[in-house]
Amino acid sequence: MKLVAYCSSCKKEIKIKSKAPTRPDLQMQRGDEFKVNCQNCGKMEKKHVNEVRAVTNNTIILIGIVIGIFSAIFLWLFYGGIATVSFVIPLLFWQQQSNATKSFNSYMIRRK
């Protein structure tokens, strides 16, 4: 999961550098409002915690797919039919990413 906000002038993604799993954790790390710099147009903006959105990190899902493929090949060569179980690995990575994204985006902070 990666956290992004959108620039109000150029409408491009601004990546938020934080490993906060939930919006209240992000609020405790950064406060209610914090400044972000758009890498595309260079504009500094204040963003409220509720303006930050979580999106799935496709590199994590891709890593899960690669691990699943290699484990399927390895298990197929040495153990035969049990290799089909390894196709579950990418699904687990995808499910974890979507659950984390959904839980972050579903909770909003009350504005003061």
N, C-alpha and C. Protein backbone atom coordinates (compact mmCIF):
# COMPACT_ATOMS: atom_id res chain seq x y z
N MET A 1 0.85 -1.16 0.00
CA MET A 1 0.00 0.00 0.00
C MET A 1 0.90 1.23 0.00
N LYS A 2 0.56 2.18 -0.85
CA LYS A 2 1.26 3.45 -0.82
C LYS A 2 0.24 4.56 -0.65
N LEU A 3 0.70 5.63 -0.03
CA LEU A 3 -0.18 6.75 0.28
C LEU A 3 0.08 7.87 -0.71
N VAL A 4 -1.00 8.42 -1.26
CA VAL A 4 -0.88 9.49 -2.25
C VAL A 4 -1.91 10.58 -1.96
N ALA A 5 -1.56 11.78 -2.40
CA ALA A 5 -2.49 12.91 -2.44
C ALA A 5 -2.39 13.47 -3.85
N TYR A 6 -3.31 14.30 -4.23
CA TYR A 6 -3.31 14.84 -5.58
C TYR A 6 -3.10 16.34 -5.55
N CYS A 7 -2.23 16.83 -6.43
CA CYS A 7 -1.93 18.25 -6.54
C CYS A 7 -3.16 18.98 -7.07
N SER A 8 -3.48 20.11 -6.44
CA SER A 8 -4.67 20.86 -6.86
C SER A 8 -4.44 21.63 -8.17
N SER A 9 -3.20 21.89 -8.53
CA SER A 9 -2.97 22.65 -9.76
C SER A 9 -2.73 21.76 -10.98
N CYS A 10 -1.90 20.71 -10.85
CA CYS A 10 -1.61 19.88 -12.03
C CYS A 10 -2.31 18.52 -11.99
N LYS A 11 -2.99 18.20 -10.90
CA LYS A 11 -3.78 16.96 -10.74
C LYS A 11 -2.94 15.68 -10.82
N LYS A 12 -1.64 15.77 -10.53
CA LYS A 12 -0.78 14.60 -10.53
C LYS A 12 -0.69 14.04 -9.11
N GLU A 13 -0.26 12.77 -9.02
CA GLU A 13 -0.08 12.11 -7.72
C GLU A 13 1.11 12.69 -6.98
N ILE A 14 0.93 12.89 -5.69
CA ILE A 14 2.03 13.26 -4.79
C ILE A 14 2.18 12.10 -3.82
N LYS A 15 3.32 11.46 -3.82
CA LYS A 15 3.54 10.32 -2.92
C LYS A 15 3.86 10.84 -1.52
N ILE A 16 3.21 10.24 -0.54
CA ILE A 16 3.43 10.57 0.86
C ILE A 16 4.36 9.52 1.44
N LYS A 17 5.48 9.94 1.98
CA LYS A 17 6.44 8.99 2.53
C LYS A 17 6.07 8.68 3.98
N SER A 18 5.35 7.60 4.15
CA SER A 18 4.93 7.17 5.47
C SER A 18 4.57 5.69 5.41
N LYS A 19 4.81 5.00 6.46
CA LYS A 19 4.45 3.58 6.55
C LYS A 19 3.23 3.39 7.46
N ALA A 20 2.45 4.45 7.65
CA ALA A 20 1.28 4.39 8.53
C ALA A 20 0.23 3.45 7.95
N PRO A 21 -0.17 2.43 8.69
CA PRO A 21 -1.17 1.49 8.18
C PRO A 21 -2.60 2.02 8.23
N THR A 22 -2.86 3.02 9.08
CA THR A 22 -4.20 3.58 9.19
C THR A 22 -4.13 5.10 9.18
N ARG A 23 -5.26 5.73 8.94
CA ARG A 23 -5.32 7.19 8.89
C ARG A 23 -5.01 7.82 10.26
N PRO A 24 -5.50 7.27 11.39
CA PRO A 24 -5.11 7.85 12.69
C PRO A 24 -3.60 7.76 12.95
N ASP A 25 -2.95 6.70 12.47
CA ASP A 25 -1.51 6.62 12.62
C ASP A 25 -0.81 7.70 11.80
N LEU A 26 -1.31 7.97 10.61
CA LEU A 26 -0.77 9.05 9.79
C LEU A 26 -0.98 10.39 10.47
N GLN A 27 -2.14 10.56 11.09
CA GLN A 27 -2.43 11.80 11.81
C GLN A 27 -1.47 11.98 12.98
N MET A 28 -1.16 10.90 13.68
CA MET A 28 -0.23 11.01 14.81
C MET A 28 1.19 11.31 14.32
N GLN A 29 1.57 10.79 13.15
CA GLN A 29 2.91 11.05 12.63
C GLN A 29 3.04 12.46 12.06
N ARG A 30 2.06 12.91 11.29
CA ARG A 30 2.18 14.15 10.53
C ARG A 30 1.31 15.28 11.06
N GLY A 31 0.31 14.99 11.88
CA GLY A 31 -0.62 16.02 12.34
C GLY A 31 -1.85 16.07 11.45
N ASP A 32 -2.81 16.96 11.79
CA ASP A 32 -4.04 17.07 11.01
C ASP A 32 -3.76 17.56 9.59
N GLU A 33 -2.92 18.57 9.46
CA GLU A 33 -2.55 19.10 8.15
C GLU A 33 -1.03 19.13 8.06
N PHE A 34 -0.52 18.86 6.87
CA PHE A 34 0.92 18.89 6.66
C PHE A 34 1.21 19.37 5.25
N LYS A 35 2.41 19.85 5.05
CA LYS A 35 2.80 20.40 3.75
C LYS A 35 3.40 19.29 2.89
N VAL A 36 3.03 19.32 1.62
CA VAL A 36 3.60 18.40 0.64
C VAL A 36 4.06 19.21 -0.57
N ASN A 37 5.08 18.71 -1.24
CA ASN A 37 5.63 19.37 -2.41
C ASN A 37 5.35 18.52 -3.63
N CYS A 38 4.71 19.10 -4.64
CA CYS A 38 4.43 18.39 -5.88
C CYS A 38 5.72 18.30 -6.69
N GLN A 39 6.12 17.09 -7.05
CA GLN A 39 7.33 16.89 -7.82
C GLN A 39 7.15 17.30 -9.28
N ASN A 40 5.92 17.38 -9.74
CA ASN A 40 5.67 17.72 -11.13
C ASN A 40 5.71 19.23 -11.38
N CYS A 41 4.96 19.99 -10.59
CA CYS A 41 4.89 21.44 -10.82
C CYS A 41 5.65 22.25 -9.77
N GLY A 42 6.07 21.62 -8.67
CA GLY A 42 6.85 22.31 -7.65
C GLY A 42 6.06 23.11 -6.65
N LYS A 43 4.75 23.00 -6.65
CA LYS A 43 3.90 23.77 -5.75
C LYS A 43 3.86 23.12 -4.36
N MET A 44 4.01 23.96 -3.32
CA MET A 44 3.86 23.50 -1.94
C MET A 44 2.41 23.68 -1.52
N GLU A 45 1.82 22.63 -0.98
CA GLU A 45 0.42 22.69 -0.56
C GLU A 45 0.27 22.11 0.83
N LYS A 46 -0.77 22.59 1.51
CA LYS A 46 -1.16 21.98 2.77
C LYS A 46 -2.25 20.97 2.47
N LYS A 47 -2.08 19.76 2.94
CA LYS A 47 -3.06 18.71 2.75
C LYS A 47 -3.57 18.23 4.11
N HIS A 48 -4.88 18.05 4.19
CA HIS A 48 -5.47 17.46 5.39
C HIS A 48 -5.31 15.94 5.30
N VAL A 49 -5.31 15.30 6.43
CA VAL A 49 -5.13 13.84 6.48
C VAL A 49 -6.21 13.13 5.66
N ASN A 50 -7.42 13.68 5.61
CA ASN A 50 -8.50 13.05 4.86
C ASN A 50 -8.30 13.14 3.34
N GLU A 51 -7.42 14.02 2.88
CA GLU A 51 -7.16 14.14 1.45
C GLU A 51 -6.15 13.10 0.95
N VAL A 52 -5.56 12.36 1.86
CA VAL A 52 -4.61 11.31 1.51
C VAL A 52 -5.38 10.02 1.23
N ARG A 53 -5.04 9.36 0.15
CA ARG A 53 -5.67 8.10 -0.23
C ARG A 53 -4.63 7.00 -0.30
N ALA A 54 -5.04 5.80 -0.01
CA ALA A 54 -4.17 4.63 -0.13
C ALA A 54 -4.48 3.95 -1.45
N VAL A 55 -3.44 3.55 -2.15
CA VAL A 55 -3.59 2.79 -3.40
C VAL A 55 -2.73 1.54 -3.28
N THR A 56 -3.14 0.50 -3.99
CA THR A 56 -2.39 -0.75 -3.90
C THR A 56 -1.02 -0.59 -4.53
N ASN A 57 -0.06 -1.23 -3.94
CA ASN A 57 1.31 -1.19 -4.43
C ASN A 57 1.50 -2.38 -5.37
N ASN A 58 1.55 -2.11 -6.65
CA ASN A 58 1.63 -3.19 -7.63
C ASN A 58 2.96 -3.93 -7.61
N THR A 59 4.01 -3.32 -7.09
CA THR A 59 5.29 -4.03 -7.01
C THR A 59 5.21 -5.18 -6.00
N ILE A 60 4.47 -4.99 -4.93
CA ILE A 60 4.29 -6.07 -3.94
C ILE A 60 3.53 -7.22 -4.58
N ILE A 61 2.51 -6.92 -5.35
CA ILE A 61 1.73 -7.96 -6.02
C ILE A 61 2.61 -8.68 -7.05
N LEU A 62 3.43 -7.93 -7.76
CA LEU A 62 4.33 -8.53 -8.75
C LEU A 62 5.34 -9.45 -8.07
N ILE A 63 5.85 -9.06 -6.91
CA ILE A 63 6.76 -9.92 -6.15
C ILE A 63 6.06 -11.21 -5.76
N GLY A 64 4.80 -11.11 -5.35
CA GLY A 64 4.02 -12.31 -5.01
C GLY A 64 3.84 -13.23 -6.20
N ILE A 65 3.61 -12.64 -7.38
CA ILE A 65 3.45 -13.45 -8.59
C ILE A 65 4.75 -14.18 -8.93
N VAL A 66 5.88 -13.47 -8.82
CA VAL A 66 7.17 -14.09 -9.12
C VAL A 66 7.48 -15.21 -8.13
N ILE A 67 7.24 -14.99 -6.85
CA ILE A 67 7.46 -16.03 -5.85
C ILE A 67 6.55 -17.22 -6.13
N GLY A 68 5.30 -16.96 -6.49
CA GLY A 68 4.37 -18.04 -6.80
C GLY A 68 4.81 -18.86 -8.00
N ILE A 69 5.30 -18.20 -9.03
CA ILE A 69 5.75 -18.92 -10.23
C ILE A 69 6.96 -19.78 -9.92
N PHE A 70 7.96 -19.19 -9.23
CA PHE A 70 9.15 -19.98 -8.91
C PHE A 70 8.86 -21.14 -7.98
N SER A 71 7.99 -20.92 -7.00
CA SER A 71 7.67 -22.04 -6.10
C SER A 71 6.85 -23.10 -6.83
N ALA A 72 6.00 -22.69 -7.78
CA ALA A 72 5.23 -23.67 -8.56
C ALA A 72 6.15 -24.53 -9.41
N ILE A 73 7.13 -23.90 -10.05
CA ILE A 73 8.08 -24.65 -10.87
C ILE A 73 8.90 -25.60 -10.01
N PHE A 74 9.40 -25.10 -8.88
CA PHE A 74 10.19 -25.94 -7.99
C PHE A 74 9.39 -27.12 -7.46
N LEU A 75 8.19 -26.84 -6.98
CA LEU A 75 7.37 -27.92 -6.43
C LEU A 75 6.90 -28.89 -7.51
N TRP A 76 6.64 -28.39 -8.71
CA TRP A 76 6.20 -29.27 -9.79
C TRP A 76 7.30 -30.25 -10.18
N LEU A 77 8.54 -29.76 -10.18
CA LEU A 77 9.66 -30.63 -10.56
C LEU A 77 9.94 -31.69 -9.50
N PHE A 78 9.79 -31.37 -8.25
CA PHE A 78 10.16 -32.29 -7.18
C PHE A 78 8.98 -33.03 -6.54
N TYR A 79 7.81 -32.42 -6.51
CA TYR A 79 6.70 -33.04 -5.79
C TYR A 79 5.45 -33.23 -6.63
N GLY A 80 5.43 -32.83 -7.86
CA GLY A 80 4.29 -33.10 -8.74
C GLY A 80 3.11 -32.19 -8.49
N GLY A 81 1.97 -32.79 -8.17
CA GLY A 81 0.70 -32.08 -8.09
C GLY A 81 0.57 -31.06 -6.98
N ILE A 82 1.43 -31.11 -5.99
CA ILE A 82 1.32 -30.15 -4.89
C ILE A 82 1.68 -28.74 -5.34
N ALA A 83 2.23 -28.58 -6.51
CA ALA A 83 2.61 -27.26 -7.02
C ALA A 83 1.41 -26.36 -7.25
N THR A 84 0.26 -26.94 -7.45
CA THR A 84 -0.92 -26.10 -7.68
C THR A 84 -1.26 -25.24 -6.47
N VAL A 85 -0.84 -25.68 -5.29
CA VAL A 85 -1.08 -24.90 -4.08
C VAL A 85 -0.30 -23.59 -4.11
N SER A 86 0.84 -23.57 -4.79
CA SER A 86 1.67 -22.37 -4.80
C SER A 86 1.05 -21.24 -5.63
N PHE A 87 0.02 -21.51 -6.40
CA PHE A 87 -0.66 -20.45 -7.12
C PHE A 87 -1.49 -19.59 -6.18
N VAL A 88 -1.63 -20.00 -4.94
CA VAL A 88 -2.36 -19.23 -3.95
C VAL A 88 -1.51 -18.05 -3.44
N ILE A 89 -0.19 -18.14 -3.55
CA ILE A 89 0.70 -17.12 -3.02
C ILE A 89 0.41 -15.73 -3.60
N PRO A 90 0.31 -15.56 -4.93
CA PRO A 90 -0.02 -14.21 -5.44
C PRO A 90 -1.40 -13.71 -4.97
N LEU A 91 -2.33 -14.62 -4.80
CA LEU A 91 -3.65 -14.22 -4.31
C LEU A 91 -3.58 -13.69 -2.88
N LEU A 92 -2.73 -14.30 -2.06
CA LEU A 92 -2.55 -13.83 -0.70
C LEU A 92 -1.92 -12.44 -0.66
N PHE A 93 -0.93 -12.20 -1.52
CA PHE A 93 -0.31 -10.88 -1.60
C PHE A 93 -1.34 -9.84 -2.05
N TRP A 94 -2.14 -10.17 -3.06
CA TRP A 94 -3.14 -9.25 -3.56
C TRP A 94 -4.20 -8.96 -2.49
N GLN A 95 -4.63 -10.00 -1.77
CA GLN A 95 -5.65 -9.83 -0.73
C GLN A 95 -5.13 -8.94 0.39
N GLN A 96 -3.88 -9.12 0.79
CA GLN A 96 -3.31 -8.30 1.85
C GLN A 96 -3.26 -6.84 1.43
N GLN A 97 -2.84 -6.57 0.19
CA GLN A 97 -2.77 -5.20 -0.30
C GLN A 97 -4.15 -4.55 -0.38
N SER A 98 -5.12 -5.28 -0.88
CA SER A 98 -6.46 -4.70 -1.01
C SER A 98 -7.11 -4.49 0.35
N ASN A 99 -6.88 -5.37 1.30
CA ASN A 99 -7.43 -5.18 2.65
C ASN A 99 -6.81 -3.98 3.34
N ALA A 100 -5.49 -3.80 3.19
CA ALA A 100 -4.82 -2.66 3.80
C ALA A 100 -5.31 -1.35 3.18
N THR A 101 -5.47 -1.33 1.87
CA THR A 101 -5.96 -0.14 1.18
C THR A 101 -7.39 0.18 1.60
N LYS A 102 -8.23 -0.83 1.66
CA LYS A 102 -9.63 -0.64 2.02
C LYS A 102 -9.77 -0.13 3.46
N SER A 103 -8.99 -0.68 4.38
CA SER A 103 -9.10 -0.24 5.76
C SER A 103 -8.59 1.18 5.95
N PHE A 104 -7.56 1.59 5.19
CA PHE A 104 -7.07 2.97 5.29
C PHE A 104 -8.10 3.94 4.74
N ASN A 105 -8.65 3.64 3.57
CA ASN A 105 -9.56 4.57 2.91
C ASN A 105 -10.94 4.62 3.56
N SER A 106 -11.33 3.63 4.33
CA SER A 106 -12.67 3.60 4.90
C SER A 106 -12.81 4.48 6.15
N TYR A 107 -11.72 4.83 6.80
CA TYR A 107 -11.78 5.60 8.03
C TYR A 107 -11.38 7.04 7.77
N MET A 108 -12.21 7.99 8.20
CA MET A 108 -11.92 9.41 8.03
C MET A 108 -11.76 10.07 9.40
N ILE A 109 -10.96 11.11 9.45
CA ILE A 109 -10.71 11.88 10.66
C ILE A 109 -11.67 13.06 10.70
N ARG A 110 -12.22 13.34 11.87
CA ARG A 110 -13.12 14.50 12.01
C ARG A 110 -12.32 15.78 11.90
N ARG A 111 -12.80 16.68 11.06
CA ARG A 111 -12.12 17.97 10.88
C ARG A 111 -12.48 18.90 12.03
N LYS A 112 -11.52 19.69 12.44
CA LYS A 112 -11.73 20.60 13.58
C LYS A 112 -12.04 21.99 13.10
